[in-house]
Amino acid sequence: MKYASEVIDLLAAYPGRRFKMRQIINYVGGNADQKRRAVIRTGVWRVLRDLESTGHIRSNRSEVGNGAHADWWWAESITSGPGKPFQEPLHYQQHNCAYRF
């Protein structure tokens, strides 16, 4: 997904810090013109929506009214189930496949 790596890099670098959409777009787009920023805004919105649905980020969209500026932040902890901390798959923890022939 376009812009996903930039959004994840920004939000994950500061867990718990709240960002406005404008700040995220400035980070991703830099000195883009107005038309390009509109394209970036749509792409960033899709990334934020998908990350929020998977639980990686949080927002206060439900608390603010339409047209208000929502805050987005990286969730401080990600769980793989109710009450279970996130764990990497076992094949990542056991061995480095480069040394197993």
PDB file of N, CA and C in Angstrom:
ATOM      1  N   MET A   1       0.853  -1.165   0.000  1.00  0.00           N
ATOM      2  CA  MET A   1       0.000   0.000   0.000  1.00  0.00           C
ATOM      3  C   MET A   1       0.904   1.234   0.000  1.00  0.00           C
ATOM      4  N   LYS A   2       0.565   2.170  -0.853  1.00  0.00           N
ATOM      5  CA  LYS A   2       1.380   3.370  -1.001  1.00  0.00           C
ATOM      6  C   LYS A   2       1.332   4.210   0.271  1.00  0.00           C
ATOM      7  N   TYR A   3       2.447   4.751   0.665  1.00  0.00           N
ATOM      8  CA  TYR A   3       2.625   5.617   1.843  1.00  0.00           C
ATOM      9  C   TYR A   3       2.585   4.857   3.169  1.00  0.00           C
ATOM     10  N   ALA A   4       2.390   3.564   3.144  1.00  0.00           N
ATOM     11  CA  ALA A   4       2.300   2.807   4.399  1.00  0.00           C
ATOM     12  C   ALA A   4       3.614   2.857   5.167  1.00  0.00           C
ATOM     13  N   SER A   5       4.727   2.685   4.484  1.00  0.00           N
ATOM     14  CA  SER A   5       6.006   2.659   5.200  1.00  0.00           C
ATOM     15  C   SER A   5       6.309   4.010   5.844  1.00  0.00           C
ATOM     16  N   GLU A   6       5.980   5.101   5.157  1.00  0.00           N
ATOM     17  CA  GLU A   6       6.232   6.422   5.726  1.00  0.00           C
ATOM     18  C   GLU A   6       5.362   6.682   6.955  1.00  0.00           C
ATOM     19  N   VAL A   7       4.084   6.316   6.866  1.00  0.00           N
ATOM     20  CA  VAL A   7       3.170   6.522   7.995  1.00  0.00           C
ATOM     21  C   VAL A   7       3.588   5.668   9.178  1.00  0.00           C
ATOM     22  N   ILE A   8       3.929   4.418   8.923  1.00  0.00           N
ATOM     23  CA  ILE A   8       4.357   3.523  10.002  1.00  0.00           C
ATOM     24  C   ILE A   8       5.654   4.023  10.623  1.00  0.00           C
ATOM     25  N   ASP A   9       6.602   4.456   9.793  1.00  0.00           N
ATOM     26  CA  ASP A   9       7.867   4.981  10.321  1.00  0.00           C
ATOM     27  C   ASP A   9       7.641   6.155  11.262  1.00  0.00           C
ATOM     28  N   LEU A  10       6.761   7.069  10.876  1.00  0.00           N
ATOM     29  CA  LEU A  10       6.511   8.249  11.700  1.00  0.00           C
ATOM     30  C   LEU A  10       5.797   7.889  12.996  1.00  0.00           C
ATOM     31  N   LEU A  11       4.692   7.180  12.904  1.00  0.00           N
ATOM     32  CA  LEU A  11       3.890   6.897  14.096  1.00  0.00           C
ATOM     33  C   LEU A  11       4.586   5.920  15.042  1.00  0.00           C
ATOM     34  N   ALA A  12       5.250   4.906  14.501  1.00  0.00           N
ATOM     35  CA  ALA A  12       5.904   3.911  15.354  1.00  0.00           C
ATOM     36  C   ALA A  12       7.135   4.478  16.055  1.00  0.00           C
ATOM     37  N   ALA A  13       7.730   5.514  15.493  1.00  0.00           N
ATOM     38  CA  ALA A  13       8.906   6.116  16.126  1.00  0.00           C
ATOM     39  C   ALA A  13       8.549   6.843  17.416  1.00  0.00           C
ATOM     40  N   TYR A  14       7.293   7.238  17.545  1.00  0.00           N
ATOM     41  CA  TYR A  14       6.833   7.984  18.726  1.00  0.00           C
ATOM     42  C   TYR A  14       5.555   7.354  19.281  1.00  0.00           C
ATOM     43  N   PRO A  15       5.639   6.168  19.897  1.00  0.00           N
ATOM     44  CA  PRO A  15       4.421   5.523  20.404  1.00  0.00           C
ATOM     45  C   PRO A  15       3.726   6.397  21.439  1.00  0.00           C
ATOM     46  N   GLY A  16       2.434   6.554  21.286  1.00  0.00           N
ATOM     47  CA  GLY A  16       1.654   7.340  22.224  1.00  0.00           C
ATOM     48  C   GLY A  16       1.559   8.814  21.883  1.00  0.00           C
ATOM     49  N   ARG A  17       2.450   9.326  21.027  1.00  0.00           N
ATOM     50  CA  ARG A  17       2.382  10.749  20.644  1.00  0.00           C
ATOM     51  C   ARG A  17       1.271  10.936  19.623  1.00  0.00           C
ATOM     52  N   ARG A  18       0.483  11.970  19.795  1.00  0.00           N
ATOM     53  CA  ARG A  18      -0.652  12.226  18.914  1.00  0.00           C
ATOM     54  C   ARG A  18      -0.236  13.113  17.746  1.00  0.00           C
ATOM     55  N   PHE A  19      -0.667  12.712  16.557  1.00  0.00           N
ATOM     56  CA  PHE A  19      -0.382  13.453  15.333  1.00  0.00           C
ATOM     57  C   PHE A  19      -1.686  13.868  14.673  1.00  0.00           C
ATOM     58  N   LYS A  20      -1.702  15.061  14.120  1.00  0.00           N
ATOM     59  CA  LYS A  20      -2.807  15.515  13.282  1.00  0.00           C
ATOM     60  C   LYS A  20      -2.533  15.048  11.853  1.00  0.00           C
ATOM     61  N   MET A  21      -3.583  14.954  11.059  1.00  0.00           N
ATOM     62  CA  MET A  21      -3.438  14.544   9.661  1.00  0.00           C
ATOM     63  C   MET A  21      -2.466  15.468   8.932  1.00  0.00           C
ATOM     64  N   ARG A  22      -2.507  16.755   9.209  1.00  0.00           N
ATOM     65  CA  ARG A  22      -1.621  17.717   8.556  1.00  0.00           C
ATOM     66  C   ARG A  22      -0.156  17.376   8.814  1.00  0.00           C
ATOM     67  N   GLN A  23       0.171  16.989  10.040  1.00  0.00           N
ATOM     68  CA  GLN A  23       1.552  16.653  10.372  1.00  0.00           C
ATOM     69  C   GLN A  23       2.004  15.405   9.623  1.00  0.00           C
ATOM     70  N   ILE A  24       1.120  14.431   9.508  1.00  0.00           N
ATOM     71  CA  ILE A  24       1.465  13.201   8.792  1.00  0.00           C
ATOM     72  C   ILE A  24       1.665  13.497   7.310  1.00  0.00           C
ATOM     73  N   ILE A  25       0.791  14.300   6.728  1.00  0.00           N
ATOM     74  CA  ILE A  25       0.912  14.646   5.310  1.00  0.00           C
ATOM     75  C   ILE A  25       2.182  15.450   5.059  1.00  0.00           C
ATOM     76  N   ASN A  26       2.529  16.361   5.954  1.00  0.00           N
ATOM     77  CA  ASN A  26       3.781  17.117   5.808  1.00  0.00           C
ATOM     78  C   ASN A  26       4.986  16.193   5.841  1.00  0.00           C
ATOM     79  N   TYR A  27       4.948  15.174   6.689  1.00  0.00           N
ATOM     80  CA  TYR A  27       6.055  14.226   6.769  1.00  0.00           C
ATOM     81  C   TYR A  27       6.156  13.405   5.480  1.00  0.00           C
ATOM     82  N   VAL A  28       5.030  12.933   4.990  1.00  0.00           N
ATOM     83  CA  VAL A  28       5.026  12.077   3.805  1.00  0.00           C
ATOM     84  C   VAL A  28       5.289  12.887   2.542  1.00  0.00           C
ATOM     85  N   GLY A  29       4.635  14.045   2.412  1.00  0.00           N
ATOM     86  CA  GLY A  29       4.675  14.795   1.161  1.00  0.00           C
ATOM     87  C   GLY A  29       5.762  15.824   1.038  1.00  0.00           C
ATOM     88  N   GLY A  30       6.256  16.308   2.146  1.00  0.00           N
ATOM     89  CA  GLY A  30       7.290  17.332   2.078  1.00  0.00           C
ATOM     90  C   GLY A  30       6.802  18.596   1.400  1.00  0.00           C
ATOM     91  N   ASN A  31       7.445  18.971   0.295  1.00  0.00           N
ATOM     92  CA  ASN A  31       7.126  20.218  -0.416  1.00  0.00           C
ATOM     93  C   ASN A  31       6.210  19.982  -1.616  1.00  0.00           C
ATOM     94  N   ALA A  32       5.259  19.085  -1.506  1.00  0.00           N
ATOM     95  CA  ALA A  32       4.363  18.786  -2.622  1.00  0.00           C
ATOM     96  C   ALA A  32       3.396  19.943  -2.864  1.00  0.00           C
ATOM     97  N   ASP A  33       2.964  20.076  -4.129  1.00  0.00           N
ATOM     98  CA  ASP A  33       1.978  21.118  -4.442  1.00  0.00           C
ATOM     99  C   ASP A  33       0.590  20.687  -3.957  1.00  0.00           C
ATOM    100  N   GLN A  34      -0.382  21.579  -4.118  1.00  0.00           N
ATOM    101  CA  GLN A  34      -1.710  21.354  -3.551  1.00  0.00           C
ATOM    102  C   GLN A  34      -2.392  20.118  -4.147  1.00  0.00           C
ATOM    103  N   LYS A  35      -2.259  19.915  -5.448  1.00  0.00           N
ATOM    104  CA  LYS A  35      -2.877  18.756  -6.093  1.00  0.00           C
ATOM    105  C   LYS A  35      -2.249  17.457  -5.595  1.00  0.00           C
ATOM    106  N   ARG A  36      -0.942  17.456  -5.495  1.00  0.00           N
ATOM    107  CA  ARG A  36      -0.230  16.258  -5.019  1.00  0.00           C
ATOM    108  C   ARG A  36      -0.577  15.973  -3.557  1.00  0.00           C
ATOM    109  N   ARG A  37      -0.740  17.015  -2.744  1.00  0.00           N
ATOM    110  CA  ARG A  37      -1.094  16.833  -1.328  1.00  0.00           C
ATOM    111  C   ARG A  37      -2.478  16.198  -1.186  1.00  0.00           C
ATOM    112  N   ALA A  38      -3.396  16.523  -2.087  1.00  0.00           N
ATOM    113  CA  ALA A  38      -4.723  15.904  -2.051  1.00  0.00           C
ATOM    114  C   ALA A  38      -4.625  14.407  -2.324  1.00  0.00           C
ATOM    115  N   VAL A  39      -3.756  14.027  -3.255  1.00  0.00           N
ATOM    116  CA  VAL A  39      -3.536  12.608  -3.546  1.00  0.00           C
ATOM    117  C   VAL A  39      -2.903  11.925  -2.338  1.00  0.00           C
ATOM    118  N   ILE A  40      -1.924  12.571  -1.736  1.00  0.00           N
ATOM    119  CA  ILE A  40      -1.254  12.017  -0.556  1.00  0.00           C
ATOM    120  C   ILE A  40      -2.244  11.873   0.590  1.00  0.00           C
ATOM    121  N   ARG A  41      -3.108  12.858   0.780  1.00  0.00           N
ATOM    122  CA  ARG A  41      -4.095  12.816   1.867  1.00  0.00           C
ATOM    123  C   ARG A  41      -4.997  11.587   1.737  1.00  0.00           C
ATOM    124  N   THR A  42      -5.437  11.289   0.509  1.00  0.00           N
ATOM    125  CA  THR A  42      -6.283  10.117   0.285  1.00  0.00           C
ATOM    126  C   THR A  42      -5.524   8.832   0.606  1.00  0.00           C
ATOM    127  N   GLY A  43      -4.283   8.738   0.155  1.00  0.00           N
ATOM    128  CA  GLY A  43      -3.485   7.545   0.435  1.00  0.00           C
ATOM    129  C   GLY A  43      -3.190   7.371   1.908  1.00  0.00           C
ATOM    130  N   VAL A  44      -2.861   8.465   2.578  1.00  0.00           N
ATOM    131  CA  VAL A  44      -2.581   8.409   4.017  1.00  0.00           C
ATOM    132  C   VAL A  44      -3.840   8.019   4.777  1.00  0.00           C
ATOM    133  N   TRP A  45      -4.984   8.549   4.371  1.00  0.00           N
ATOM    134  CA  TRP A  45      -6.250   8.205   5.019  1.00  0.00           C
ATOM    135  C   TRP A  45      -6.507   6.697   4.933  1.00  0.00           C
ATOM    136  N   ARG A  46      -6.253   6.106   3.773  1.00  0.00           N
ATOM    137  CA  ARG A  46      -6.450   4.659   3.606  1.00  0.00           C
ATOM    138  C   ARG A  46      -5.516   3.872   4.516  1.00  0.00           C
ATOM    139  N   VAL A  47      -4.276   4.309   4.606  1.00  0.00           N
ATOM    140  CA  VAL A  47      -3.312   3.627   5.479  1.00  0.00           C
ATOM    141  C   VAL A  47      -3.753   3.730   6.937  1.00  0.00           C
ATOM    142  N   LEU A  48      -4.135   4.925   7.368  1.00  0.00           N
ATOM    143  CA  LEU A  48      -4.564   5.116   8.756  1.00  0.00           C
ATOM    144  C   LEU A  48      -5.797   4.279   9.076  1.00  0.00           C
ATOM    145  N   ARG A  49      -6.739   4.248   8.160  1.00  0.00           N
ATOM    146  CA  ARG A  49      -7.958   3.462   8.369  1.00  0.00           C
ATOM    147  C   ARG A  49      -7.630   1.973   8.524  1.00  0.00           C
ATOM    148  N   ASP A  50      -6.753   1.457   7.665  1.00  0.00           N
ATOM    149  CA  ASP A  50      -6.393   0.043   7.742  1.00  0.00           C
ATOM    150  C   ASP A  50      -5.586  -0.272   8.999  1.00  0.00           C
ATOM    151  N   LEU A  51      -4.659   0.605   9.369  1.00  0.00           N
ATOM    152  CA  LEU A  51      -3.882   0.380  10.590  1.00  0.00           C
ATOM    153  C   LEU A  51      -4.764   0.445  11.829  1.00  0.00           C
ATOM    154  N   GLU A  52      -5.752   1.311  11.806  1.00  0.00           N
ATOM    155  CA  GLU A  52      -6.666   1.401  12.949  1.00  0.00           C
ATOM    156  C   GLU A  52      -7.543   0.155  13.044  1.00  0.00           C
ATOM    157  N   SER A  53      -7.971  -0.373  11.905  1.00  0.00           N
ATOM    158  CA  SER A  53      -8.821  -1.565  11.932  1.00  0.00           C
ATOM    159  C   SER A  53      -8.062  -2.794  12.417  1.00  0.00           C
ATOM    160  N   THR A  54      -6.740  -2.809  12.240  1.00  0.00           N
ATOM    161  CA  THR A  54      -5.944  -3.937  12.725  1.00  0.00           C
ATOM    162  C   THR A  54      -5.433  -3.732  14.145  1.00  0.00           C
ATOM    163  N   GLY A  55      -5.663  -2.548  14.716  1.00  0.00           N
ATOM    164  CA  GLY A  55      -5.268  -2.296  16.095  1.00  0.00           C
ATOM    165  C   GLY A  55      -3.867  -1.755  16.282  1.00  0.00           C
ATOM    166  N   HIS A  56      -3.174  -1.438  15.200  1.00  0.00           N
ATOM    167  CA  HIS A  56      -1.822  -0.907  15.319  1.00  0.00           C
ATOM    168  C   HIS A  56      -1.802   0.547  15.770  1.00  0.00           C
ATOM    169  N   ILE A  57      -2.805   1.305  15.360  1.00  0.00           N
ATOM    170  CA  ILE A  57      -2.888   2.700  15.779  1.00  0.00           C
ATOM    171  C   ILE A  57      -4.252   2.961  16.403  1.00  0.00           C
ATOM    172  N   ARG A  58      -4.346   4.078  17.088  1.00  0.00           N
ATOM    173  CA  ARG A  58      -5.600   4.506  17.709  1.00  0.00           C
ATOM    174  C   ARG A  58      -5.901   5.928  17.231  1.00  0.00           C
ATOM    175  N   SER A  59      -7.157   6.318  17.366  1.00  0.00           N
ATOM    176  CA  SER A  59      -7.545   7.687  17.032  1.00  0.00           C
ATOM    177  C   SER A  59      -8.713   8.108  17.911  1.00  0.00           C
ATOM    178  N   ASN A  60      -8.987   9.398  17.874  1.00  0.00           N
ATOM    179  CA  ASN A  60     -10.142   9.911  18.600  1.00  0.00           C
ATOM    180  C   ASN A  60     -11.219  10.367  17.619  1.00  0.00           C
ATOM    181  N   ARG A  61     -11.304   9.723  16.456  1.00  0.00           N
ATOM    182  CA  ARG A  61     -12.290  10.095  15.441  1.00  0.00           C
ATOM    183  C   ARG A  61     -13.712  10.009  15.963  1.00  0.00           C
ATOM    184  N   SER A  62     -14.011   9.002  16.778  1.00  0.00           N
ATOM    185  CA  SER A  62     -15.380   8.833  17.268  1.00  0.00           C
ATOM    186  C   SER A  62     -15.755   9.909  18.287  1.00  0.00           C
ATOM    187  N   GLU A  63     -14.760  10.521  18.913  1.00  0.00           N
ATOM    188  CA  GLU A  63     -15.023  11.534  19.936  1.00  0.00           C
ATOM    189  C   GLU A  63     -15.205  12.932  19.357  1.00  0.00           C
ATOM    190  N   VAL A  64     -14.629  13.183  18.196  1.00  0.00           N
ATOM    191  CA  VAL A  64     -14.732  14.514  17.592  1.00  0.00           C
ATOM    192  C   VAL A  64     -15.827  14.506  16.536  1.00  0.00           C
ATOM    193  N   GLY A  65     -16.409  15.649  16.274  1.00  0.00           N
ATOM    194  CA  GLY A  65     -17.475  15.751  15.288  1.00  0.00           C
ATOM    195  C   GLY A  65     -16.943  15.781  13.869  1.00  0.00           C
ATOM    196  N   ASN A  66     -17.857  15.742  12.924  1.00  0.00           N
ATOM    197  CA  ASN A  66     -17.467  15.837  11.513  1.00  0.00           C
ATOM    198  C   ASN A  66     -16.799  17.175  11.245  1.00  0.00           C
ATOM    199  N   GLY A  67     -15.730  17.137  10.505  1.00  0.00           N
ATOM    200  CA  GLY A  67     -15.009  18.358  10.186  1.00  0.00           C
ATOM    201  C   GLY A  67     -13.972  18.750  11.225  1.00  0.00           C
ATOM    202  N   ALA A  68     -13.988  18.096  12.373  1.00  0.00           N
ATOM    203  CA  ALA A  68     -12.988  18.389  13.402  1.00  0.00           C
ATOM    204  C   ALA A  68     -11.712  17.616  13.091  1.00  0.00           C
ATOM    205  N   HIS A  69     -10.643  18.033  13.702  1.00  0.00           N
ATOM    206  CA  HIS A  69      -9.353  17.410  13.440  1.00  0.00           C
ATOM    207  C   HIS A  69      -9.106  16.277  14.429  1.00  0.00           C
ATOM    208  N   ALA A  70      -9.036  15.067  13.920  1.00  0.00           N
ATOM    209  CA  ALA A  70      -8.787  13.904  14.763  1.00  0.00           C
ATOM    210  C   ALA A  70      -7.290  13.747  14.999  1.00  0.00           C
ATOM    211  N   ASP A  71      -6.952  13.111  16.101  1.00  0.00           N
ATOM    212  CA  ASP A  71      -5.567  12.768  16.413  1.00  0.00           C
ATOM    213  C   ASP A  71      -5.359  11.290  16.134  1.00  0.00           C
ATOM    214  N   TRP A  72      -4.155  10.960  15.692  1.00  0.00           N
ATOM    215  CA  TRP A  72      -3.777   9.575  15.415  1.00  0.00           C
ATOM    216  C   TRP A  72      -2.511   9.279  16.191  1.00  0.00           C
ATOM    217  N   TRP A  73      -2.412   8.084  16.798  1.00  0.00           N
ATOM    218  CA  TRP A  73      -1.207   7.714  17.520  1.00  0.00           C
ATOM    219  C   TRP A  73      -1.010   6.213  17.456  1.00  0.00           C
ATOM    220  N   TRP A  74       0.257   5.810  17.573  1.00  0.00           N
ATOM    221  CA  TRP A  74       0.635   4.404  17.554  1.00  0.00           C
ATOM    222  C   TRP A  74       0.218   3.784  18.876  1.00  0.00           C
ATOM    223  N   ALA A  75      -0.427   2.635  18.807  1.00  0.00           N
ATOM    224  CA  ALA A  75      -0.833   1.930  20.024  1.00  0.00           C
ATOM    225  C   ALA A  75       0.417   1.498  20.777  1.00  0.00           C
ATOM    226  N   GLU A  76       0.426   1.688  22.069  1.00  0.00           N
ATOM    227  CA  GLU A  76       1.625   1.401  22.860  1.00  0.00           C
ATOM    228  C   GLU A  76       1.911  -0.086  22.953  1.00  0.00           C
ATOM    229  N   SER A  77       0.874  -0.913  22.888  1.00  0.00           N
ATOM    230  CA  SER A  77       1.088  -2.358  22.889  1.00  0.00           C
ATOM    231  C   SER A  77       0.096  -2.994  21.937  1.00  0.00           C
ATOM    232  N   ILE A  78       0.569  -4.008  21.255  1.00  0.00           N
ATOM    233  CA  ILE A  78      -0.266  -4.732  20.305  1.00  0.00           C
ATOM    234  C   ILE A  78      -0.462  -6.133  20.855  1.00  0.00           C
ATOM    235  N   THR A  79      -1.679  -6.589  20.887  1.00  0.00           N
ATOM    236  CA  THR A  79      -1.950  -7.936  21.380  1.00  0.00           C
ATOM    237  C   THR A  79      -2.441  -8.805  20.243  1.00  0.00           C
ATOM    238  N   SER A  80      -2.110 -10.089  20.321  1.00  0.00           N
ATOM    239  CA  SER A  80      -2.542 -11.018  19.293  1.00  0.00           C
ATOM    240  C   SER A  80      -3.853 -11.683  19.663  1.00  0.00           C
ATOM    241  N   GLY A  81      -4.344 -11.454  20.815  1.00  0.00           N
ATOM    242  CA  GLY A  81      -5.608 -12.013  21.268  1.00  0.00           C
ATOM    243  C   GLY A  81      -5.968 -11.370  22.579  1.00  0.00           C
ATOM    244  N   PRO A  82      -7.107 -11.735  23.134  1.00  0.00           N
ATOM    245  CA  PRO A  82      -7.501 -11.097  24.390  1.00  0.00           C
ATOM    246  C   PRO A  82      -6.537 -11.438  25.522  1.00  0.00           C
ATOM    247  N   GLY A  83      -5.799 -10.439  25.981  1.00  0.00           N
ATOM    248  CA  GLY A  83      -4.900 -10.630  27.111  1.00  0.00           C
ATOM    249  C   GLY A  83      -3.584 -11.295  26.791  1.00  0.00           C
ATOM    250  N   LYS A  84      -3.337 -11.646  25.538  1.00  0.00           N
ATOM    251  CA  LYS A  84      -2.085 -12.312  25.170  1.00  0.00           C
ATOM    252  C   LYS A  84      -1.169 -11.305  24.486  1.00  0.00           C
ATOM    253  N   PRO A  85       0.046 -11.124  24.969  1.00  0.00           N
ATOM    254  CA  PRO A  85       0.953 -10.190  24.304  1.00  0.00           C
ATOM    255  C   PRO A  85       1.351 -10.709  22.929  1.00  0.00           C
ATOM    256  N   PHE A  86       1.656  -9.787  22.051  1.00  0.00           N
ATOM    257  CA  PHE A  86       2.051 -10.145  20.694  1.00  0.00           C
ATOM    258  C   PHE A  86       3.341 -10.949  20.720  1.00  0.00           C
ATOM    259  N   GLN A  87       3.379 -12.020  19.941  1.00  0.00           N
ATOM    260  CA  GLN A  87       4.578 -12.850  19.845  1.00  0.00           C
ATOM    261  C   GLN A  87       4.899 -13.068  18.378  1.00  0.00           C
ATOM    262  N   GLU A  88       6.185 -13.078  18.083  1.00  0.00           N
ATOM    263  CA  GLU A  88       6.595 -13.375  16.721  1.00  0.00           C
ATOM    264  C   GLU A  88       6.386 -14.861  16.458  1.00  0.00           C
ATOM    265  N   PRO A  89       6.167 -15.247  15.200  1.00  0.00           N
ATOM    266  CA  PRO A  89       6.044 -16.665  14.883  1.00  0.00           C
ATOM    267  C   PRO A  89       7.294 -17.425  15.307  1.00  0.00           C
ATOM    268  N   LEU A  90       7.114 -18.681  15.661  1.00  0.00           N
ATOM    269  CA  LEU A  90       8.219 -19.475  16.202  1.00  0.00           C
ATOM    270  C   LEU A  90       9.379 -19.622  15.228  1.00  0.00           C
ATOM    271  N   HIS A  91       9.104 -19.700  13.931  1.00  0.00           N
ATOM    272  CA  HIS A  91      10.211 -19.897  12.997  1.00  0.00           C
ATOM    273  C   HIS A  91      11.138 -18.685  12.943  1.00  0.00           C
ATOM    274  N   TYR A  92      10.726 -17.518  13.431  1.00  0.00           N
ATOM    275  CA  TYR A  92      11.613 -16.369  13.515  1.00  0.00           C
ATOM    276  C   TYR A  92      12.483 -16.434  14.768  1.00  0.00           C
ATOM    277  N   GLN A  93      12.003 -17.075  15.806  1.00  0.00           N
ATOM    278  CA  GLN A  93      12.701 -17.084  17.077  1.00  0.00           C
ATOM    279  C   GLN A  93      13.750 -18.186  17.175  1.00  0.00           C
ATOM    280  N   GLN A  94      13.563 -19.291  16.486  1.00  0.00           N
ATOM    281  CA  GLN A  94      14.406 -20.450  16.719  1.00  0.00           C
ATOM    282  C   GLN A  94      15.767 -20.366  16.039  1.00  0.00           C
ATOM    283  N   HIS A  95      15.782 -20.236  14.731  1.00  0.00           N
ATOM    284  CA  HIS A  95      17.051 -20.326  14.018  1.00  0.00           C
ATOM    285  C   HIS A  95      17.088 -19.335  12.866  1.00  0.00           C
ATOM    286  N   ASN A  96      18.297 -18.965  12.523  1.00  0.00           N
ATOM    287  CA  ASN A  96      18.498 -18.181  11.323  1.00  0.00           C
ATOM    288  C   ASN A  96      18.654 -19.165  10.174  1.00  0.00           C
ATOM    289  N   CYS A  97      17.793 -19.091   9.184  1.00  0.00           N
ATOM    290  CA  CYS A  97      17.785 -20.085   8.115  1.00  0.00           C
ATOM    291  C   CYS A  97      19.061 -20.049   7.273  1.00  0.00           C
ATOM    292  N   ALA A  98      19.856 -18.998   7.352  1.00  0.00           N
ATOM    293  CA  ALA A  98      21.090 -18.929   6.576  1.00  0.00           C
ATOM    294  C   ALA A  98      22.110 -19.954   7.066  1.00  0.00           C
ATOM    295  N   TYR A  99      22.003 -20.378   8.313  1.00  0.00           N
ATOM    296  CA  TYR A  99      22.952 -21.335   8.869  1.00  0.00           C
ATOM    297  C   TYR A  99      22.422 -22.758   8.862  1.00  0.00           C
ATOM    298  N   ARG A 100      21.220 -22.964   8.379  1.00  0.00           N
ATOM    299  CA  ARG A 100      20.654 -24.313   8.324  1.00  0.00           C
ATOM    300  C   ARG A 100      20.593 -24.761   6.876  1.00  0.00           C
ATOM    301  N   PHE A 101      21.325 -25.789   6.525  1.00  0.00           N
ATOM    302  CA  PHE A 101      21.340 -26.293   5.151  1.00  0.00           C
ATOM    303  C   PHE A 101      20.713 -27.640   5.072  1.00  0.00           C
TER     304      PHE A 101
END
